[in-house]
Protein backbone atom coordinates (compact mmCIF):
# COMPACT_ATOMS: atom_id res chain seq x y z
CA MET A 1 -7.76 15.00 -0.90
CA ASN A 2 -8.59 11.34 -0.47
CA PHE A 3 -6.88 9.17 2.14
CA SER A 4 -6.84 5.42 2.57
CA LEU A 5 -5.39 3.32 5.38
CA GLU A 6 -3.74 -0.07 5.69
CA ILE A 7 -4.35 -2.53 8.55
CA GLY A 8 -3.54 -6.14 9.38
CA PRO A 9 -6.17 -8.90 9.52
CA ASN A 10 -5.83 -9.16 13.30
CA MET A 11 -6.11 -5.46 14.04
CA ALA A 12 -9.15 -4.19 15.96
CA ILE A 13 -11.23 -1.75 13.95
CA ASP A 14 -13.09 -0.01 16.78
CA ASN A 15 -10.85 3.06 16.62
CA LEU A 16 -10.26 3.35 12.90
CA PRO A 17 -10.40 6.89 11.52
CA ASN A 18 -13.42 7.83 9.45
CA LEU A 19 -11.88 6.91 6.09
CA LYS A 20 -13.83 4.98 3.49
CA ASP A 21 -11.06 2.84 1.98
CA VAL A 22 -9.26 0.39 4.28
CA TYR A 23 -6.70 -2.03 2.86
CA ILE A 24 -6.12 -5.38 4.56
CA THR A 25 -2.75 -7.08 4.40
CA PHE A 26 -2.21 -10.77 3.71
CA LEU A 27 1.24 -11.38 5.14
CA PRO A 28 3.62 -14.29 4.47
CA GLY A 29 2.53 -17.29 6.51
CA GLY A 30 -0.96 -15.87 6.97
CA ASN A 31 -4.29 -17.34 5.95
CA HIS A 32 -6.44 -15.66 3.30
CA ARG A 33 -9.57 -16.52 5.31
CA GLU A 34 -8.37 -14.13 8.05
CA THR A 35 -8.23 -11.33 5.51
CA VAL A 36 -11.70 -12.23 4.21
CA ASN A 37 -13.10 -12.23 7.76
CA LYS A 38 -11.63 -8.78 8.39
CA ALA A 39 -13.12 -7.57 5.11
CA ARG A 40 -16.54 -8.81 6.22
CA GLU A 41 -16.15 -7.00 9.54
CA LEU A 42 -15.22 -3.78 7.77
CA LEU A 43 -18.16 -4.06 5.39
CA GLU A 44 -20.54 -4.41 8.33
CA LYS A 45 -19.13 -1.15 9.74
CA GLY A 46 -19.62 0.71 6.47
CA PHE A 47 -16.02 0.72 5.20
CA ASN A 48 -14.83 -0.22 1.72
CA PRO A 49 -12.39 -3.09 2.41
CA ILE A 50 -9.59 -3.66 -0.09
CA PRO A 51 -7.82 -7.00 0.48
CA HIS A 52 -4.22 -7.57 -0.59
CA PHE A 53 -3.60 -10.36 -3.07
CA PRO A 54 0.17 -11.00 -2.81
CA ALA A 55 1.26 -13.43 -5.54
CA ARG A 56 4.15 -14.97 -3.64
CA SER A 57 1.99 -15.68 -0.56
CA ILE A 58 -0.70 -17.58 -2.49
CA GLY A 59 -0.08 -21.29 -2.89
CA ASN A 60 -1.80 -22.12 -6.16
CA GLU A 61 -4.62 -21.24 -8.55
CA THR A 62 -7.18 -23.17 -6.51
CA GLN A 63 -6.42 -21.08 -3.44
CA LEU A 64 -6.48 -17.87 -5.48
CA LYS A 65 -9.85 -18.70 -7.02
CA GLU A 66 -11.30 -19.51 -3.59
CA TYR A 67 -9.88 -16.31 -2.07
CA VAL A 68 -11.27 -14.09 -4.85
CA GLN A 69 -14.66 -15.78 -4.78
CA MET A 70 -14.94 -15.52 -1.00
CA CYS A 71 -14.28 -11.79 -1.28
CA LYS A 72 -16.85 -11.35 -4.04
CA ASP A 73 -19.43 -13.38 -2.13
CA ILE A 74 -19.35 -11.03 0.86
CA GLY A 75 -19.51 -7.91 -1.30
CA VAL A 76 -15.87 -6.84 -1.73
CA LYS A 77 -15.58 -4.62 -4.82
CA GLN A 78 -11.89 -3.78 -4.87
CA ALA A 79 -8.51 -5.55 -4.63
CA LEU A 80 -4.81 -4.67 -4.44
CA VAL A 81 -2.81 -7.18 -6.49
CA ILE A 82 0.89 -7.18 -5.60
CA GLY A 83 3.99 -9.36 -5.73
CA GLY A 84 4.30 -9.62 -1.97
CA SER A 85 6.98 -11.43 -0.01
CA ARG A 86 10.33 -12.24 -1.52
CA GLU A 87 10.08 -16.04 -1.59
CA PRO A 88 7.05 -17.67 -3.29
CA VAL A 89 5.19 -20.26 -1.23
CA GLY A 90 3.72 -21.90 -4.32
CA SER A 91 3.25 -21.55 -8.05
CA PHE A 92 2.99 -17.74 -8.29
CA ASP A 93 5.96 -15.40 -8.24
CA ARG A 94 4.59 -12.34 -10.10
CA SER A 95 1.39 -10.36 -9.70
CA ILE A 96 0.72 -10.44 -13.46
CA GLN A 97 0.07 -14.19 -13.10
CA LEU A 98 -2.86 -13.44 -10.79
CA LEU A 99 -4.27 -10.79 -13.08
CA GLU A 100 -4.10 -13.03 -16.14
CA THR A 101 -6.42 -15.60 -14.56
CA GLY A 102 -9.42 -13.34 -15.11
CA TYR A 103 -10.73 -14.10 -11.61
CA PHE A 104 -10.82 -10.39 -10.69
CA GLU A 105 -13.28 -9.48 -13.42
CA GLY A 106 -15.82 -6.98 -12.13
CA MET A 107 -13.54 -5.68 -9.36
CA LYS A 108 -11.63 -2.40 -9.20
CA ILE A 109 -7.93 -3.29 -9.29
CA GLY A 110 -4.95 -1.56 -7.77
CA ILE A 111 -1.35 -2.53 -8.49
CA ALA A 112 1.90 -1.64 -6.75
CA GLY A 113 4.17 1.16 -7.89
CA HIS A 114 7.83 1.64 -6.96
CA PRO A 115 9.04 5.16 -7.82
CA GLU A 116 12.34 4.42 -6.06
CA GLY A 117 12.74 0.90 -7.39
CA SER A 118 12.59 -2.37 -5.50
CA PRO A 119 15.30 -4.45 -3.80
CA ASP A 120 13.72 -7.58 -5.31
CA ILE A 121 13.87 -6.69 -9.01
CA SER A 122 16.01 -4.70 -11.44
CA ASP A 123 14.75 -1.33 -12.67
CA SER A 124 14.33 -2.60 -16.25
CA ASP A 125 12.39 -5.68 -15.14
CA LEU A 126 10.30 -3.49 -12.83
CA GLU A 127 9.36 -1.17 -15.70
CA LYS A 128 8.40 -4.12 -17.89
CA ALA A 129 6.28 -5.60 -15.11
CA MET A 130 4.47 -2.28 -14.68
CA ASN A 131 3.71 -2.05 -18.40
CA ASP A 132 2.42 -5.63 -18.43
CA LYS A 133 0.06 -4.98 -15.50
CA LYS A 134 -1.37 -1.62 -16.53
CA PRO A 135 -4.04 -3.01 -18.91
CA TYR A 136 -5.60 -4.77 -15.90
CA ALA A 137 -5.28 -1.88 -13.44
CA ASP A 138 -7.51 1.01 -12.45
CA TYR A 139 -4.92 2.76 -10.28
CA ILE A 140 -1.47 2.43 -8.70
CA VAL A 141 -0.51 2.45 -5.00
CA THR A 142 3.12 3.34 -4.37
CA GLN A 143 5.54 2.18 -1.72
CA TRP A 144 5.82 4.76 1.06
CA LEU A 145 8.27 7.52 0.26
CA LEU A 146 9.58 10.81 1.61
CA ASP A 147 11.53 12.32 -1.28
CA PRO A 148 9.03 14.18 -3.49
CA LYS A 149 11.12 14.21 -6.68
CA PRO A 150 10.87 10.50 -7.65
CA ILE A 151 7.17 10.56 -6.76
CA ILE A 152 6.44 13.48 -9.07
CA ASP A 153 8.56 11.96 -11.84
CA PHE A 154 6.69 8.65 -11.47
CA ILE A 155 3.24 10.26 -11.53
CA SER A 156 4.10 12.22 -14.69
CA LYS A 157 4.64 8.94 -16.59
CA GLN A 158 1.33 7.29 -15.62
CA LYS A 159 -2.03 7.39 -17.38
CA ILE A 160 -4.01 6.03 -14.41
CA PRO A 161 -4.38 7.59 -10.92
CA VAL A 162 -1.48 7.22 -8.49
CA HIS A 163 -2.14 6.82 -4.76
CA VAL A 164 1.03 8.03 -3.06
CA GLY A 165 2.21 5.99 -0.10
CA ILE A 166 2.95 8.02 3.02
CA THR A 167 3.56 7.14 6.65
CA GLY A 168 1.70 8.36 9.67
CA PRO A 169 3.65 10.68 12.00
CA LEU A 170 6.68 8.58 13.02
CA LYS A 171 10.04 9.40 14.55
CA ILE A 172 12.83 9.80 12.01
CA THR A 173 14.73 6.90 13.56
CA SER A 174 11.75 4.62 12.90
CA LEU A 175 11.41 5.88 9.34
CA ILE A 176 15.08 5.13 8.66
CA LYS A 177 14.54 1.57 9.89
CA PHE A 178 11.52 1.02 7.66
CA ALA A 179 13.21 2.70 4.67
CA ASN A 180 16.03 0.17 4.96
CA ILE A 181 13.56 -2.71 5.04
CA VAL A 182 11.61 -1.71 1.91
CA GLY A 183 14.65 -0.50 -0.03
CA ALA A 184 13.48 3.10 -0.37
CA LYS A 185 17.00 4.30 -1.10
CA ASN A 186 16.20 7.86 -2.21
CA SER A 187 13.97 8.46 0.78
CA LEU A 188 16.62 7.01 3.07
CA ASN A 189 19.20 9.43 1.68
CA PHE A 190 16.63 12.24 1.88
CA LEU A 191 16.09 11.49 5.57
CA LYS A 192 19.76 11.32 6.40
CA SER A 193 20.61 14.53 4.58
CA ASN A 194 17.70 16.56 5.97
CA PHE A 195 17.63 15.38 9.58
CA SER A 196 21.11 15.24 11.01
CA LYS A 197 20.52 16.76 14.45
CA ALA A 198 19.79 14.38 17.30
CA LEU A 199 16.85 16.53 18.39
CA ASP A 200 15.32 16.34 14.89
CA LEU A 201 15.70 12.56 14.86
CA MET A 202 13.51 12.27 17.95
CA LYS A 203 10.66 14.39 16.59
CA PRO A 204 7.82 12.79 14.63
CA LYS A 205 8.00 13.54 10.91
CA ASP A 206 4.84 15.39 9.82
CA PRO A 207 3.38 13.79 6.65
CA ASN A 208 2.13 17.23 5.60
CA ASP A 209 5.67 18.09 4.51
CA LEU A 210 5.45 15.59 1.65
CA ILE A 211 1.73 16.08 0.95
CA GLY A 212 2.28 19.79 0.37
CA LYS A 213 4.94 19.09 -2.27
CA VAL A 214 3.01 16.51 -4.30
CA LYS A 215 -0.69 17.35 -3.81
CA SER A 216 -0.77 19.33 -7.07
CA HIS A 217 0.05 16.05 -8.85
CA THR A 218 -2.37 13.66 -7.12
CA ASP A 219 -5.46 13.71 -4.94
CA PHE A 220 -4.82 10.29 -3.39
CA PHE A 221 -2.67 9.32 -0.40
CA HIS A 222 -2.31 5.85 1.13
CA ILE A 223 -1.22 5.73 4.78
CA TYR A 224 1.10 3.07 6.16
CA THR A 225 0.78 3.37 9.94
CA PHE A 226 3.45 0.83 10.99
CA GLY A 227 1.53 0.25 14.18
CA GLY A 228 1.04 3.94 14.94
CA LEU A 229 -2.72 3.95 14.36
CA LYS A 230 -3.47 6.16 17.36
CA GLU A 231 -1.00 8.84 16.25
CA THR A 232 -2.23 8.63 12.66
CA ASN A 233 -5.84 9.01 13.74
CA LYS A 234 -4.96 12.06 15.83
CA TRP A 235 -3.02 13.60 12.94
CA LEU A 236 -5.93 13.07 10.51
CA MET A 237 -8.39 14.73 12.87
CA GLU A 238 -6.10 17.64 13.78
CA ASN A 239 -5.65 18.42 10.10
CA LYS A 240 -9.37 18.01 9.41
CA TYR A 241 -8.72 15.27 6.86
CA VAL A 242 -11.55 13.23 8.38
């Protein structure tokens, strides 16, 4: 199995687990140069940095072109092109607009997948957007999920690899909070129906529960730590994933 990890541009990398692929977020209100600087730092440590390119957080084509070129200049080979935050800060509101510029030529491209839908777009529009982006994409990274059924159904419809989003070991109460934020409605219902006891809610959810149910359908898992890097690192080592 192959694991990747996601970090923020201001996160220290001294204690990162020994995983090759490390994604770097570019959050609303952030500066793309911070993400580039973190990518450079990761490259120097031997990682494969994968910057986020969120359409709605990029002001215009000039900024996009500069951001892509800065990444290429330091040796970045891969990018995750996504829609990003809900309100556009400039002229882009869809990830397909970034892909159509041609600026990413020569890079390996990941796009976002939403097996449980998205709170920002209707299911029909989401399916159309996916079909429009696939000619540009090498693989798909999904939102983090807990219910295996929509994940397996989603993977069965794709012709490119799917990297399944999982969380590190987090308490169920924290997972419920994050599921509400990202609109993972099936996983939210899955949590509530499977963990009703107060004692269960206080225990960390082991990601192996989900991995075991979907690993026959994919070899790739993308970890969202939600700040729990230490616990995630420990979990990876205990399970001999690194």
